[in-house]
């Protein structure tokens, strides 16, 4: 197992500056391209963005639960583009500007005891959104990068549509096993708090949970995080909580996917921190054990968040992972 070190835990981040205007924060948000939309055969409308050159190899970025595509910030998208990749980022169903499900969200008690409603969608349905989007764009094969729930969706695509996936990168995710990758009770207490009713409350809630789960080695930038949360609220028209609850339900309906992960043949990189209070680091261990020949990198001090200080090293790990696959294919072609 490869690991690399970082500085010891820093001081707590500064408090949010309540007088800072939204306009002054907006340049920190990913604005590399315009929102595009496609209605898939399932009837789901997916919002996505593209960056980079059409002929370059494709990296598809899948966000986590309750996140939209702008959570992959400018620095992430630009880092891939500068390394020669075409980047596609998506809003999962029930987030951002993509379709909202018509079924009621599960009650909090159902989420806490993992008793999902039977009428919800699953991770397989969300993985189908990804492959249907690739079909729409005429893309045969892709490098998949997913974080948290996005990692679960990427894993599902790699297991069910192996011919579509050149490489898989799973960031701070898990297998769905009941005793693996579970959140700390302190995290569950925060998540069980009242729903945000406006943008200001959404920003405060985002800062509270992000400070808690980001890990002690990489303090967050409050201004940047406030901008992300505010922009996410606006892009979702203030409809975040119900979609996030249905996404949690999708994870719970999908159950333990360990047997499914064992079918993955794409070269796989698993990355997680050792200070994750949302998805226990045991989730990363379980993924790496389930997927044959996967590489597992544990980043000391990192939690369940990709701060700006982590962008460059994480992108470096992913690009090296992709380059090894490309060199392997070149070797096979010339053998």
C-alpha atoms as a PDB file:
ATOM      1  CA  UNK A   1       0.000   0.000   0.000  1.00  0.00           C
ATOM      2  CA  UNK A   2       1.375   3.403  -0.988  1.00  0.00           C
ATOM      3  CA  UNK A   3       1.074   6.307   1.420  1.00  0.00           C
ATOM      4  CA  UNK A   4       2.444   9.804   1.517  1.00  0.00           C
ATOM      5  CA  UNK A   5       2.813  12.210   4.379  1.00  0.00           C
ATOM      6  CA  UNK A   6       1.577  15.678   5.106  1.00  0.00           C
ATOM      7  CA  UNK A   7       1.928  18.358   7.737  1.00  0.00           C
ATOM      8  CA  UNK A   8       0.513  17.827  11.179  1.00  0.00           C
ATOM      9  CA  UNK A   9      -2.940  19.130  11.989  1.00  0.00           C
ATOM     10  CA  UNK A  10      -3.218  22.875  11.559  1.00  0.00           C
ATOM     11  CA  UNK A  11      -5.270  25.436  13.402  1.00  0.00           C
ATOM     12  CA  UNK A  12      -9.026  25.702  13.024  1.00  0.00           C
ATOM     13  CA  UNK A  13     -10.247  27.598   9.947  1.00  0.00           C
ATOM     14  CA  UNK A  14     -11.427  31.169  10.290  1.00  0.00           C
ATOM     15  CA  UNK A  15     -15.108  31.921  10.743  1.00  0.00           C
ATOM     16  CA  UNK A  16     -17.249  32.775   7.721  1.00  0.00           C
ATOM     17  CA  UNK A  17     -17.138  36.447   6.841  1.00  0.00           C
ATOM     18  CA  UNK A  18     -20.875  37.216   6.753  1.00  0.00           C
ATOM     19  CA  UNK A  19     -20.409  40.547   4.967  1.00  0.00           C
ATOM     20  CA  UNK A  20     -18.544  39.072   1.985  1.00  0.00           C
ATOM     21  CA  UNK A  21     -20.689  39.387  -1.105  1.00  0.00           C
ATOM     22  CA  UNK A  22     -21.712  36.534  -3.342  1.00  0.00           C
ATOM     23  CA  UNK A  23     -20.167  38.367  -6.312  1.00  0.00           C
ATOM     24  CA  UNK A  24     -16.757  38.421  -4.636  1.00  0.00           C
ATOM     25  CA  UNK A  25     -16.948  34.685  -4.007  1.00  0.00           C
ATOM     26  CA  UNK A  26     -18.159  33.583  -7.433  1.00  0.00           C
ATOM     27  CA  UNK A  27     -14.744  33.553  -9.189  1.00  0.00           C
ATOM     28  CA  UNK A  28     -13.813  30.625  -6.941  1.00  0.00           C
ATOM     29  CA  UNK A  29     -16.589  28.488  -8.439  1.00  0.00           C
ATOM     30  CA  UNK A  30     -15.993  26.215 -11.427  1.00  0.00           C
ATOM     31  CA  UNK A  31     -17.177  28.226 -14.441  1.00  0.00           C
ATOM     32  CA  UNK A  32     -15.204  26.520 -17.197  1.00  0.00           C
ATOM     33  CA  UNK A  33     -18.185  26.005 -19.476  1.00  0.00           C
ATOM     34  CA  UNK A  34     -21.945  26.196 -19.802  1.00  0.00           C
ATOM     35  CA  UNK A  35     -24.554  23.803 -18.469  1.00  0.00           C
ATOM     36  CA  UNK A  36     -25.832  21.387 -21.102  1.00  0.00           C
ATOM     37  CA  UNK A  37     -28.839  19.090 -20.863  1.00  0.00           C
ATOM     38  CA  UNK A  38     -29.948  15.763 -22.260  1.00  0.00           C
ATOM     39  CA  UNK A  39     -33.125  13.791 -21.642  1.00  0.00           C
ATOM     40  CA  UNK A  40     -32.135  10.134 -21.406  1.00  0.00           C
ATOM     41  CA  UNK A  41     -34.223   7.158 -22.613  1.00  0.00           C
ATOM     42  CA  UNK A  42     -35.336   6.691 -18.995  1.00  0.00           C
ATOM     43  CA  UNK A  43     -36.916  10.150 -19.041  1.00  0.00           C
ATOM     44  CA  UNK A  44     -34.327  11.521 -16.615  1.00  0.00           C
ATOM     45  CA  UNK A  45     -32.885  14.894 -17.600  1.00  0.00           C
ATOM     46  CA  UNK A  46     -29.172  15.144 -16.835  1.00  0.00           C
ATOM     47  CA  UNK A  47     -27.181  18.368 -16.656  1.00  0.00           C
ATOM     48  CA  UNK A  48     -23.519  18.159 -17.600  1.00  0.00           C
ATOM     49  CA  UNK A  49     -20.536  20.282 -18.581  1.00  0.00           C
ATOM     50  CA  UNK A  50     -17.562  19.687 -20.856  1.00  0.00           C
ATOM     51  CA  UNK A  51     -14.058  21.147 -20.845  1.00  0.00           C
ATOM     52  CA  UNK A  52     -10.978  20.431 -22.930  1.00  0.00           C
ATOM     53  CA  UNK A  53     -10.477  19.240 -26.487  1.00  0.00           C
ATOM     54  CA  UNK A  54     -12.919  16.830 -28.123  1.00  0.00           C
ATOM     55  CA  UNK A  55     -10.199  14.429 -29.284  1.00  0.00           C
ATOM     56  CA  UNK A  56      -8.502  14.044 -25.912  1.00  0.00           C
ATOM     57  CA  UNK A  57      -9.108  11.022 -23.638  1.00  0.00           C
ATOM     58  CA  UNK A  58     -12.167  11.544 -21.455  1.00  0.00           C
ATOM     59  CA  UNK A  59     -12.243  11.823 -17.673  1.00  0.00           C
ATOM     60  CA  UNK A  60     -15.794  11.744 -16.282  1.00  0.00           C
ATOM     61  CA  UNK A  61     -16.238  13.242 -12.807  1.00  0.00           C
ATOM     62  CA  UNK A  62     -19.123  12.004 -10.626  1.00  0.00           C
ATOM     63  CA  UNK A  63     -19.922  14.027  -7.481  1.00  0.00           C
ATOM     64  CA  UNK A  64     -20.995  12.713  -4.119  1.00  0.00           C
ATOM     65  CA  UNK A  65     -24.292  12.630  -2.271  1.00  0.00           C
ATOM     66  CA  UNK A  66     -25.999  16.024  -2.169  1.00  0.00           C
ATOM     67  CA  UNK A  67     -23.293  17.603  -4.339  1.00  0.00           C
ATOM     68  CA  UNK A  68     -23.602  19.074  -7.803  1.00  0.00           C
ATOM     69  CA  UNK A  69     -21.016  19.230 -10.566  1.00  0.00           C
ATOM     70  CA  UNK A  70     -19.566  22.532  -9.329  1.00  0.00           C
ATOM     71  CA  UNK A  71     -18.149  20.706  -6.306  1.00  0.00           C
ATOM     72  CA  UNK A  72     -15.466  19.647  -8.802  1.00  0.00           C
ATOM     73  CA  UNK A  73     -13.925  23.131  -8.751  1.00  0.00           C
ATOM     74  CA  UNK A  74     -12.002  25.064 -11.424  1.00  0.00           C
ATOM     75  CA  UNK A  75      -8.685  23.806 -10.116  1.00  0.00           C
ATOM     76  CA  UNK A  76      -9.741  20.149 -10.505  1.00  0.00           C
ATOM     77  CA  UNK A  77     -11.159  20.567 -14.007  1.00  0.00           C
ATOM     78  CA  UNK A  78      -8.302  22.744 -15.205  1.00  0.00           C
ATOM     79  CA  UNK A  79      -5.672  20.373 -13.811  1.00  0.00           C
ATOM     80  CA  UNK A  80      -7.055  17.532 -15.921  1.00  0.00           C
ATOM     81  CA  UNK A  81      -7.410  19.723 -19.026  1.00  0.00           C
ATOM     82  CA  UNK A  82      -3.823  20.940 -18.683  1.00  0.00           C
ATOM     83  CA  UNK A  83      -2.700  17.315 -18.516  1.00  0.00           C
ATOM     84  CA  UNK A  84      -4.369  16.587 -21.865  1.00  0.00           C
ATOM     85  CA  UNK A  85      -7.824  15.323 -20.917  1.00  0.00           C
ATOM     86  CA  UNK A  86     -11.344  16.199 -21.975  1.00  0.00           C
ATOM     87  CA  UNK A  87     -13.379  16.562 -18.791  1.00  0.00           C
ATOM     88  CA  UNK A  88     -17.080  15.823 -18.424  1.00  0.00           C
ATOM     89  CA  UNK A  89     -18.759  16.573 -15.105  1.00  0.00           C
ATOM     90  CA  UNK A  90     -22.365  15.755 -14.272  1.00  0.00           C
ATOM     91  CA  UNK A  91     -25.170  16.562 -11.902  1.00  0.00           C
ATOM     92  CA  UNK A  92     -26.474  13.229 -10.647  1.00  0.00           C
ATOM     93  CA  UNK A  93     -30.238  12.806 -10.732  1.00  0.00           C
ATOM     94  CA  UNK A  94     -31.796  14.598  -7.756  1.00  0.00           C
ATOM     95  CA  UNK A  95     -28.986  17.166  -7.584  1.00  0.00           C
ATOM     96  CA  UNK A  96     -27.997  20.407  -9.243  1.00  0.00           C
ATOM     97  CA  UNK A  97     -29.983  21.084 -12.393  1.00  0.00           C
ATOM     98  CA  UNK A  98     -30.766  17.439 -13.200  1.00  0.00           C
ATOM     99  CA  UNK A  99     -34.215  15.873 -12.784  1.00  0.00           C
ATOM    100  CA  UNK A 100     -35.816  15.485  -9.369  1.00  0.00           C
ATOM    101  CA  UNK A 101     -37.521  12.182  -8.593  1.00  0.00           C
ATOM    102  CA  UNK A 102     -41.290  12.282  -8.072  1.00  0.00           C
ATOM    103  CA  UNK A 103     -41.255   9.773  -5.199  1.00  0.00           C
ATOM    104  CA  UNK A 104     -41.309  11.075  -1.605  1.00  0.00           C
ATOM    105  CA  UNK A 105     -37.972  11.214   0.228  1.00  0.00           C
ATOM    106  CA  UNK A 106     -37.478   8.713   3.038  1.00  0.00           C
ATOM    107  CA  UNK A 107     -38.124   9.941   6.559  1.00  0.00           C
ATOM    108  CA  UNK A 108     -35.107  10.562   8.781  1.00  0.00           C
ATOM    109  CA  UNK A 109     -35.881   7.477  10.878  1.00  0.00           C
ATOM    110  CA  UNK A 110     -35.731   5.340   7.720  1.00  0.00           C
ATOM    111  CA  UNK A 111     -32.331   6.756   6.852  1.00  0.00           C
ATOM    112  CA  UNK A 112     -30.971   6.228  10.366  1.00  0.00           C
ATOM    113  CA  UNK A 113     -32.013   2.567  10.621  1.00  0.00           C
ATOM    114  CA  UNK A 114     -31.419   1.854   6.905  1.00  0.00           C
ATOM    115  CA  UNK A 115     -35.041   0.975   6.172  1.00  0.00           C
ATOM    116  CA  UNK A 116     -35.493   2.508   2.684  1.00  0.00           C
ATOM    117  CA  UNK A 117     -38.807   2.984   0.938  1.00  0.00           C
ATOM    118  CA  UNK A 118     -39.288   0.311  -1.759  1.00  0.00           C
ATOM    119  CA  UNK A 119     -40.161   2.844  -4.481  1.00  0.00           C
ATOM    120  CA  UNK A 120     -36.753   4.521  -4.681  1.00  0.00           C
ATOM    121  CA  UNK A 121     -34.123   4.313  -7.388  1.00  0.00           C
ATOM    122  CA  UNK A 122     -30.786   2.532  -6.889  1.00  0.00           C
ATOM    123  CA  UNK A 123     -27.115   3.065  -7.641  1.00  0.00           C
ATOM    124  CA  UNK A 124     -27.636   0.872 -10.710  1.00  0.00           C
ATOM    125  CA  UNK A 125     -30.188   3.386 -11.997  1.00  0.00           C
ATOM    126  CA  UNK A 126     -27.720   6.205 -11.418  1.00  0.00           C
ATOM    127  CA  UNK A 127     -24.984   4.222 -13.160  1.00  0.00           C
ATOM    128  CA  UNK A 128     -27.386   3.825 -16.075  1.00  0.00           C
ATOM    129  CA  UNK A 129     -27.624   7.615 -16.268  1.00  0.00           C
ATOM    130  CA  UNK A 130     -23.839   7.727 -16.736  1.00  0.00           C
ATOM    131  CA  UNK A 131     -23.720   5.166 -19.541  1.00  0.00           C
ATOM    132  CA  UNK A 132     -26.758   6.709 -21.267  1.00  0.00           C
ATOM    133  CA  UNK A 133     -25.001  10.078 -21.196  1.00  0.00           C
ATOM    134  CA  UNK A 134     -21.880   8.516 -22.716  1.00  0.00           C
ATOM    135  CA  UNK A 135     -24.058   7.021 -25.459  1.00  0.00           C
ATOM    136  CA  UNK A 136     -25.568  10.453 -26.132  1.00  0.00           C
ATOM    137  CA  UNK A 137     -22.092  11.977 -26.410  1.00  0.00           C
ATOM    138  CA  UNK A 138     -20.788   9.144 -28.605  1.00  0.00           C
ATOM    139  CA  UNK A 139     -18.082   8.180 -26.104  1.00  0.00           C
ATOM    140  CA  UNK A 140     -17.205   4.503 -26.040  1.00  0.00           C
ATOM    141  CA  UNK A 141     -14.693   4.356 -23.184  1.00  0.00           C
ATOM    142  CA  UNK A 142     -13.868   6.668 -20.329  1.00  0.00           C
ATOM    143  CA  UNK A 143     -11.710   7.179 -17.259  1.00  0.00           C
ATOM    144  CA  UNK A 144     -14.162   7.288 -14.337  1.00  0.00           C
ATOM    145  CA  UNK A 145     -13.465   9.346 -11.210  1.00  0.00           C
ATOM    146  CA  UNK A 146     -16.099   9.347  -8.471  1.00  0.00           C
ATOM    147  CA  UNK A 147     -16.064  10.546  -4.900  1.00  0.00           C
ATOM    148  CA  UNK A 148     -18.119   9.192  -2.008  1.00  0.00           C
ATOM    149  CA  UNK A 149     -21.495   8.207  -3.528  1.00  0.00           C
ATOM    150  CA  UNK A 150     -20.003   9.128  -6.896  1.00  0.00           C
ATOM    151  CA  UNK A 151     -17.367   6.474  -6.238  1.00  0.00           C
ATOM    152  CA  UNK A 152     -20.151   3.948  -5.667  1.00  0.00           C
ATOM    153  CA  UNK A 153     -21.782   4.933  -8.966  1.00  0.00           C
ATOM    154  CA  UNK A 154     -18.440   4.661 -10.765  1.00  0.00           C
ATOM    155  CA  UNK A 155     -17.842   1.236  -9.205  1.00  0.00           C
ATOM    156  CA  UNK A 156     -21.274   0.117 -10.419  1.00  0.00           C
ATOM    157  CA  UNK A 157     -20.559   1.268 -13.977  1.00  0.00           C
ATOM    158  CA  UNK A 158     -17.187  -0.522 -13.948  1.00  0.00           C
ATOM    159  CA  UNK A 159     -18.793  -3.747 -12.697  1.00  0.00           C
ATOM    160  CA  UNK A 160     -21.812  -3.737 -15.014  1.00  0.00           C
ATOM    161  CA  UNK A 161     -20.303  -2.165 -18.164  1.00  0.00           C
ATOM    162  CA  UNK A 162     -16.613  -3.182 -18.052  1.00  0.00           C
ATOM    163  CA  UNK A 163     -16.054  -2.430 -21.744  1.00  0.00           C
ATOM    164  CA  UNK A 164     -16.876   1.253 -21.117  1.00  0.00           C
ATOM    165  CA  UNK A 165     -14.289   1.868 -18.374  1.00  0.00           C
ATOM    166  CA  UNK A 166     -10.608   2.403 -19.117  1.00  0.00           C
ATOM    167  CA  UNK A 167      -9.714   3.145 -15.498  1.00  0.00           C
ATOM    168  CA  UNK A 168     -11.606   3.620 -12.255  1.00  0.00           C
ATOM    169  CA  UNK A 169     -10.682   5.975  -9.427  1.00  0.00           C
ATOM    170  CA  UNK A 170     -12.726   5.759  -6.219  1.00  0.00           C
ATOM    171  CA  UNK A 171     -12.277   8.623  -3.736  1.00  0.00           C
ATOM    172  CA  UNK A 172     -13.293   8.179  -0.064  1.00  0.00           C
ATOM    173  CA  UNK A 173     -16.019   5.667  -0.822  1.00  0.00           C
ATOM    174  CA  UNK A 174     -17.147   2.242   0.379  1.00  0.00           C
ATOM    175  CA  UNK A 175     -18.715  -1.098  -0.611  1.00  0.00           C
ATOM    176  CA  UNK A 176     -22.144  -0.788   0.996  1.00  0.00           C
ATOM    177  CA  UNK A 177     -21.423  -3.500   3.564  1.00  0.00           C
ATOM    178  CA  UNK A 178     -23.320  -2.694   6.773  1.00  0.00           C
ATOM    179  CA  UNK A 179     -20.308  -2.801   9.114  1.00  0.00           C
ATOM    180  CA  UNK A 180     -17.892  -1.111   6.705  1.00  0.00           C
ATOM    181  CA  UNK A 181     -17.344   2.582   5.954  1.00  0.00           C
ATOM    182  CA  UNK A 182     -19.924   3.829   8.427  1.00  0.00           C
ATOM    183  CA  UNK A 183     -20.096   7.473   9.604  1.00  0.00           C
ATOM    184  CA  UNK A 184     -19.121   8.471  13.112  1.00  0.00           C
ATOM    185  CA  UNK A 185     -21.980   9.180  15.522  1.00  0.00           C
ATOM    186  CA  UNK A 186     -20.789  12.792  15.729  1.00  0.00           C
ATOM    187  CA  UNK A 187     -21.308  13.076  11.987  1.00  0.00           C
ATOM    188  CA  UNK A 188     -24.747  11.473  12.084  1.00  0.00           C
ATOM    189  CA  UNK A 189     -25.798  13.964  14.757  1.00  0.00           C
ATOM    190  CA  UNK A 190     -24.864  16.878  12.490  1.00  0.00           C
ATOM    191  CA  UNK A 191     -26.551  15.347   9.449  1.00  0.00           C
ATOM    192  CA  UNK A 192     -29.740  14.793  11.427  1.00  0.00           C
ATOM    193  CA  UNK A 193     -30.045  18.522  12.091  1.00  0.00           C
ATOM    194  CA  UNK A 194     -32.777  20.748  10.641  1.00  0.00           C
ATOM    195  CA  UNK A 195     -32.934  21.189   6.870  1.00  0.00           C
ATOM    196  CA  UNK A 196     -31.681  24.468   5.434  1.00  0.00           C
ATOM    197  CA  UNK A 197     -34.568  26.750   4.463  1.00  0.00           C
ATOM    198  CA  UNK A 198     -32.583  29.363   2.557  1.00  0.00           C
ATOM    199  CA  UNK A 199     -29.156  30.015   1.083  1.00  0.00           C
ATOM    200  CA  UNK A 200     -27.709  31.478   4.279  1.00  0.00           C
ATOM    201  CA  UNK A 201     -28.715  28.395   6.278  1.00  0.00           C
ATOM    202  CA  UNK A 202     -27.377  26.155   3.505  1.00  0.00           C
ATOM    203  CA  UNK A 203     -23.992  27.871   3.658  1.00  0.00           C
ATOM    204  CA  UNK A 204     -23.839  27.564   7.449  1.00  0.00           C
ATOM    205  CA  UNK A 205     -24.826  23.889   7.314  1.00  0.00           C
ATOM    206  CA  UNK A 206     -22.229  23.168   4.632  1.00  0.00           C
ATOM    207  CA  UNK A 207     -19.479  24.880   6.599  1.00  0.00           C
ATOM    208  CA  UNK A 208     -20.409  23.023   9.781  1.00  0.00           C
ATOM    209  CA  UNK A 209     -20.349  19.559   8.242  1.00  0.00           C
ATOM    210  CA  UNK A 210     -17.327  20.260   6.022  1.00  0.00           C
ATOM    211  CA  UNK A 211     -15.240  21.526   8.936  1.00  0.00           C
ATOM    212  CA  UNK A 212     -16.192  18.373  10.804  1.00  0.00           C
ATOM    213  CA  UNK A 213     -15.379  15.830   8.089  1.00  0.00           C
ATOM    214  CA  UNK A 214     -12.507  17.470   6.178  1.00  0.00           C
ATOM    215  CA  UNK A 215      -9.797  16.019   8.418  1.00  0.00           C
ATOM    216  CA  UNK A 216      -7.294  17.802  10.625  1.00  0.00           C
ATOM    217  CA  UNK A 217      -4.462  17.945   8.088  1.00  0.00           C
ATOM    218  CA  UNK A 218      -6.205  20.119   5.506  1.00  0.00           C
ATOM    219  CA  UNK A 219      -8.237  23.039   6.914  1.00  0.00           C
ATOM    220  CA  UNK A 220     -10.919  24.341   4.589  1.00  0.00           C
ATOM    221  CA  UNK A 221     -11.070  27.771   2.967  1.00  0.00           C
ATOM    222  CA  UNK A 222     -14.275  29.184   4.415  1.00  0.00           C
ATOM    223  CA  UNK A 223     -14.808  31.747   1.638  1.00  0.00           C
ATOM    224  CA  UNK A 224     -14.380  29.177  -1.113  1.00  0.00           C
ATOM    225  CA  UNK A 225     -16.618  26.672   0.657  1.00  0.00           C
ATOM    226  CA  UNK A 226     -19.289  29.303   1.283  1.00  0.00           C
ATOM    227  CA  UNK A 227     -19.272  30.130  -2.430  1.00  0.00           C
ATOM    228  CA  UNK A 228     -19.624  26.480  -3.387  1.00  0.00           C
ATOM    229  CA  UNK A 229     -22.549  25.999  -1.015  1.00  0.00           C
ATOM    230  CA  UNK A 230     -24.307  29.197  -2.124  1.00  0.00           C
ATOM    231  CA  UNK A 231     -23.900  28.351  -5.795  1.00  0.00           C
ATOM    232  CA  UNK A 232     -25.094  24.807  -5.179  1.00  0.00           C
ATOM    233  CA  UNK A 233     -28.218  26.144  -3.461  1.00  0.00           C
ATOM    234  CA  UNK A 234     -28.935  28.411  -6.407  1.00  0.00           C
ATOM    235  CA  UNK A 235     -28.374  25.705  -9.024  1.00  0.00           C
ATOM    236  CA  UNK A 236     -30.765  23.369  -7.198  1.00  0.00           C
ATOM    237  CA  UNK A 237     -33.411  26.081  -6.724  1.00  0.00           C
ATOM    238  CA  UNK A 238     -33.192  25.430  -3.005  1.00  0.00           C
ATOM    239  CA  UNK A 239     -34.252  21.796  -3.429  1.00  0.00           C
ATOM    240  CA  UNK A 240     -31.300  19.908  -1.937  1.00  0.00           C
ATOM    241  CA  UNK A 241     -32.489  18.005   1.135  1.00  0.00           C
ATOM    242  CA  UNK A 242     -35.127  15.804  -0.518  1.00  0.00           C
ATOM    243  CA  UNK A 243     -32.765  14.806  -3.311  1.00  0.00           C
ATOM    244  CA  UNK A 244     -29.951  14.006  -0.878  1.00  0.00           C
ATOM    245  CA  UNK A 245     -32.339  11.850   1.170  1.00  0.00           C
ATOM    246  CA  UNK A 246     -33.347   9.900  -1.947  1.00  0.00           C
ATOM    247  CA  UNK A 247     -29.669   9.475  -2.833  1.00  0.00           C
ATOM    248  CA  UNK A 248     -28.989   8.053   0.634  1.00  0.00           C
ATOM    249  CA  UNK A 249     -31.904   5.724   0.000  1.00  0.00           C
ATOM    250  CA  UNK A 250     -30.354   4.645  -3.329  1.00  0.00           C
ATOM    251  CA  UNK A 251     -27.209   3.628  -1.458  1.00  0.00           C
ATOM    252  CA  UNK A 252     -29.217   1.693   1.117  1.00  0.00           C
ATOM    253  CA  UNK A 253     -31.411  -0.025  -1.490  1.00  0.00           C
ATOM    254  CA  UNK A 254     -28.261  -1.169  -3.313  1.00  0.00           C
ATOM    255  CA  UNK A 255     -26.968  -2.992  -0.240  1.00  0.00           C
ATOM    256  CA  UNK A 256     -23.617  -4.720   0.036  1.00  0.00           C
ATOM    257  CA  UNK A 257     -21.929  -4.572  -3.375  1.00  0.00           C
ATOM    258  CA  UNK A 258     -18.767  -6.466  -2.451  1.00  0.00           C
ATOM    259  CA  UNK A 259     -19.585  -9.380  -4.760  1.00  0.00           C
ATOM    260  CA  UNK A 260     -20.212  -6.909  -7.579  1.00  0.00           C
ATOM    261  CA  UNK A 261     -16.872  -5.185  -7.017  1.00  0.00           C
ATOM    262  CA  UNK A 262     -15.046  -8.476  -7.446  1.00  0.00           C
ATOM    263  CA  UNK A 263     -16.162  -8.443 -11.104  1.00  0.00           C
ATOM    264  CA  UNK A 264     -14.380  -5.170 -11.864  1.00  0.00           C
ATOM    265  CA  UNK A 265     -11.564  -5.627 -14.370  1.00  0.00           C
ATOM    266  CA  UNK A 266     -10.625  -1.983 -15.022  1.00  0.00           C
ATOM    267  CA  UNK A 267      -7.373  -0.809 -13.434  1.00  0.00           C
ATOM    268  CA  UNK A 268      -8.560   0.675 -10.149  1.00  0.00           C
ATOM    269  CA  UNK A 269      -7.153   3.317  -7.831  1.00  0.00           C
ATOM    270  CA  UNK A 270      -8.677   3.666  -4.355  1.00  0.00           C
ATOM    271  CA  UNK A 271      -7.908   6.866  -2.435  1.00  0.00           C
ATOM    272  CA  UNK A 272      -9.065   7.809   1.044  1.00  0.00           C
ATOM    273  CA  UNK A 273      -7.816   9.647   4.097  1.00  0.00           C
ATOM    274  CA  UNK A 274      -7.164   8.287   7.546  1.00  0.00           C
ATOM    275  CA  UNK A 275      -9.326  10.961   9.272  1.00  0.00           C
ATOM    276  CA  UNK A 276     -12.654  10.418   7.510  1.00  0.00           C
ATOM    277  CA  UNK A 277     -15.647  10.855   9.837  1.00  0.00           C
ATOM    278  CA  UNK A 278     -18.293  10.404   7.125  1.00  0.00           C
ATOM    279  CA  UNK A 279     -17.107   7.245   5.370  1.00  0.00           C
ATOM    280  CA  UNK A 280     -14.813   5.348   7.717  1.00  0.00           C
ATOM    281  CA  UNK A 281     -11.419   4.483   6.178  1.00  0.00           C
ATOM    282  CA  UNK A 282     -12.473   0.847   6.469  1.00  0.00           C
ATOM    283  CA  UNK A 283     -14.527   1.526   3.329  1.00  0.00           C
ATOM    284  CA  UNK A 284     -11.418   2.153   1.271  1.00  0.00           C
ATOM    285  CA  UNK A 285      -9.752  -0.954   2.642  1.00  0.00           C
ATOM    286  CA  UNK A 286     -12.792  -3.059   1.749  1.00  0.00           C
ATOM    287  CA  UNK A 287     -12.933  -1.694  -1.813  1.00  0.00           C
ATOM    288  CA  UNK A 288      -9.235  -2.399  -2.373  1.00  0.00           C
ATOM    289  CA  UNK A 289      -9.627  -5.921  -1.021  1.00  0.00           C
ATOM    290  CA  UNK A 290     -12.654  -6.596  -3.220  1.00  0.00           C
ATOM    291  CA  UNK A 291     -11.248  -5.349  -6.546  1.00  0.00           C
ATOM    292  CA  UNK A 292      -8.456  -7.532  -7.915  1.00  0.00           C
ATOM    293  CA  UNK A 293      -5.078  -5.818  -8.392  1.00  0.00           C
ATOM    294  CA  UNK A 294      -6.329  -2.416  -7.245  1.00  0.00           C
ATOM    295  CA  UNK A 295      -3.949   0.191  -5.848  1.00  0.00           C
ATOM    296  CA  UNK A 296      -4.832   1.717  -2.484  1.00  0.00           C
ATOM    297  CA  UNK A 297      -3.483   5.085  -1.349  1.00  0.00           C
ATOM    298  CA  UNK A 298      -4.188   6.397   2.158  1.00  0.00           C
ATOM    299  CA  UNK A 299      -3.485  10.107   2.675  1.00  0.00           C
ATOM    300  CA  UNK A 300      -2.582  11.017   6.266  1.00  0.00           C
ATOM    301  CA  UNK A 301      -4.609  13.857   7.731  1.00  0.00           C
ATOM    302  CA  UNK A 302      -7.238  13.816   4.970  1.00  0.00           C
ATOM    303  CA  UNK A 303     -10.896  13.386   5.775  1.00  0.00           C
ATOM    304  CA  UNK A 304     -13.952  13.344   3.537  1.00  0.00           C
ATOM    305  CA  UNK A 305     -13.174  16.410   1.473  1.00  0.00           C
ATOM    306  CA  UNK A 306     -10.906  17.515  -1.365  1.00  0.00           C
ATOM    307  CA  UNK A 307      -9.506  20.859  -0.230  1.00  0.00           C
ATOM    308  CA  UNK A 308      -7.439  22.983  -2.589  1.00  0.00           C
ATOM    309  CA  UNK A 309      -4.243  21.769  -0.926  1.00  0.00           C
ATOM    310  CA  UNK A 310      -5.175  18.232  -1.936  1.00  0.00           C
ATOM    311  CA  UNK A 311      -6.069  18.934  -5.575  1.00  0.00           C
ATOM    312  CA  UNK A 312      -2.561  18.764  -7.043  1.00  0.00           C
ATOM    313  CA  UNK A 313      -1.399  15.594  -5.236  1.00  0.00           C
ATOM    314  CA  UNK A 314      -4.686  13.754  -5.866  1.00  0.00           C
ATOM    315  CA  UNK A 315      -4.709  14.709  -9.559  1.00  0.00           C
ATOM    316  CA  UNK A 316      -1.081  13.564  -9.781  1.00  0.00           C
ATOM    317  CA  UNK A 317      -2.046  10.170  -8.346  1.00  0.00           C
ATOM    318  CA  UNK A 318      -4.968   9.827 -10.772  1.00  0.00           C
ATOM    319  CA  UNK A 319      -2.999  10.889 -13.844  1.00  0.00           C
ATOM    320  CA  UNK A 320      -0.159   8.485 -13.004  1.00  0.00           C
ATOM    321  CA  UNK A 321      -2.777   5.759 -12.626  1.00  0.00           C
ATOM    322  CA  UNK A 322      -4.242   6.590 -16.046  1.00  0.00           C
ATOM    323  CA  UNK A 323      -0.811   6.795 -17.678  1.00  0.00           C
ATOM    324  CA  UNK A 324       0.074   3.313 -16.436  1.00  0.00           C
ATOM    325  CA  UNK A 325      -3.063   1.985 -18.139  1.00  0.00           C
ATOM    326  CA  UNK A 326      -2.239   3.825 -21.373  1.00  0.00           C
ATOM    327  CA  UNK A 327       1.326   2.540 -21.344  1.00  0.00           C
ATOM    328  CA  UNK A 328       0.013  -0.974 -20.762  1.00  0.00           C
ATOM    329  CA  UNK A 329      -2.338  -0.717 -23.748  1.00  0.00           C
ATOM    330  CA  UNK A 330       0.495   0.597 -25.938  1.00  0.00           C
ATOM    331  CA  UNK A 331       2.645  -2.364 -24.881  1.00  0.00           C
ATOM    332  CA  UNK A 332      -0.131  -4.807 -25.799  1.00  0.00           C
ATOM    333  CA  UNK A 333      -0.712  -3.122 -29.169  1.00  0.00           C
ATOM    334  CA  UNK A 334       2.969  -3.395 -30.089  1.00  0.00           C
ATOM    335  CA  UNK A 335       3.601  -6.842 -28.607  1.00  0.00           C
END
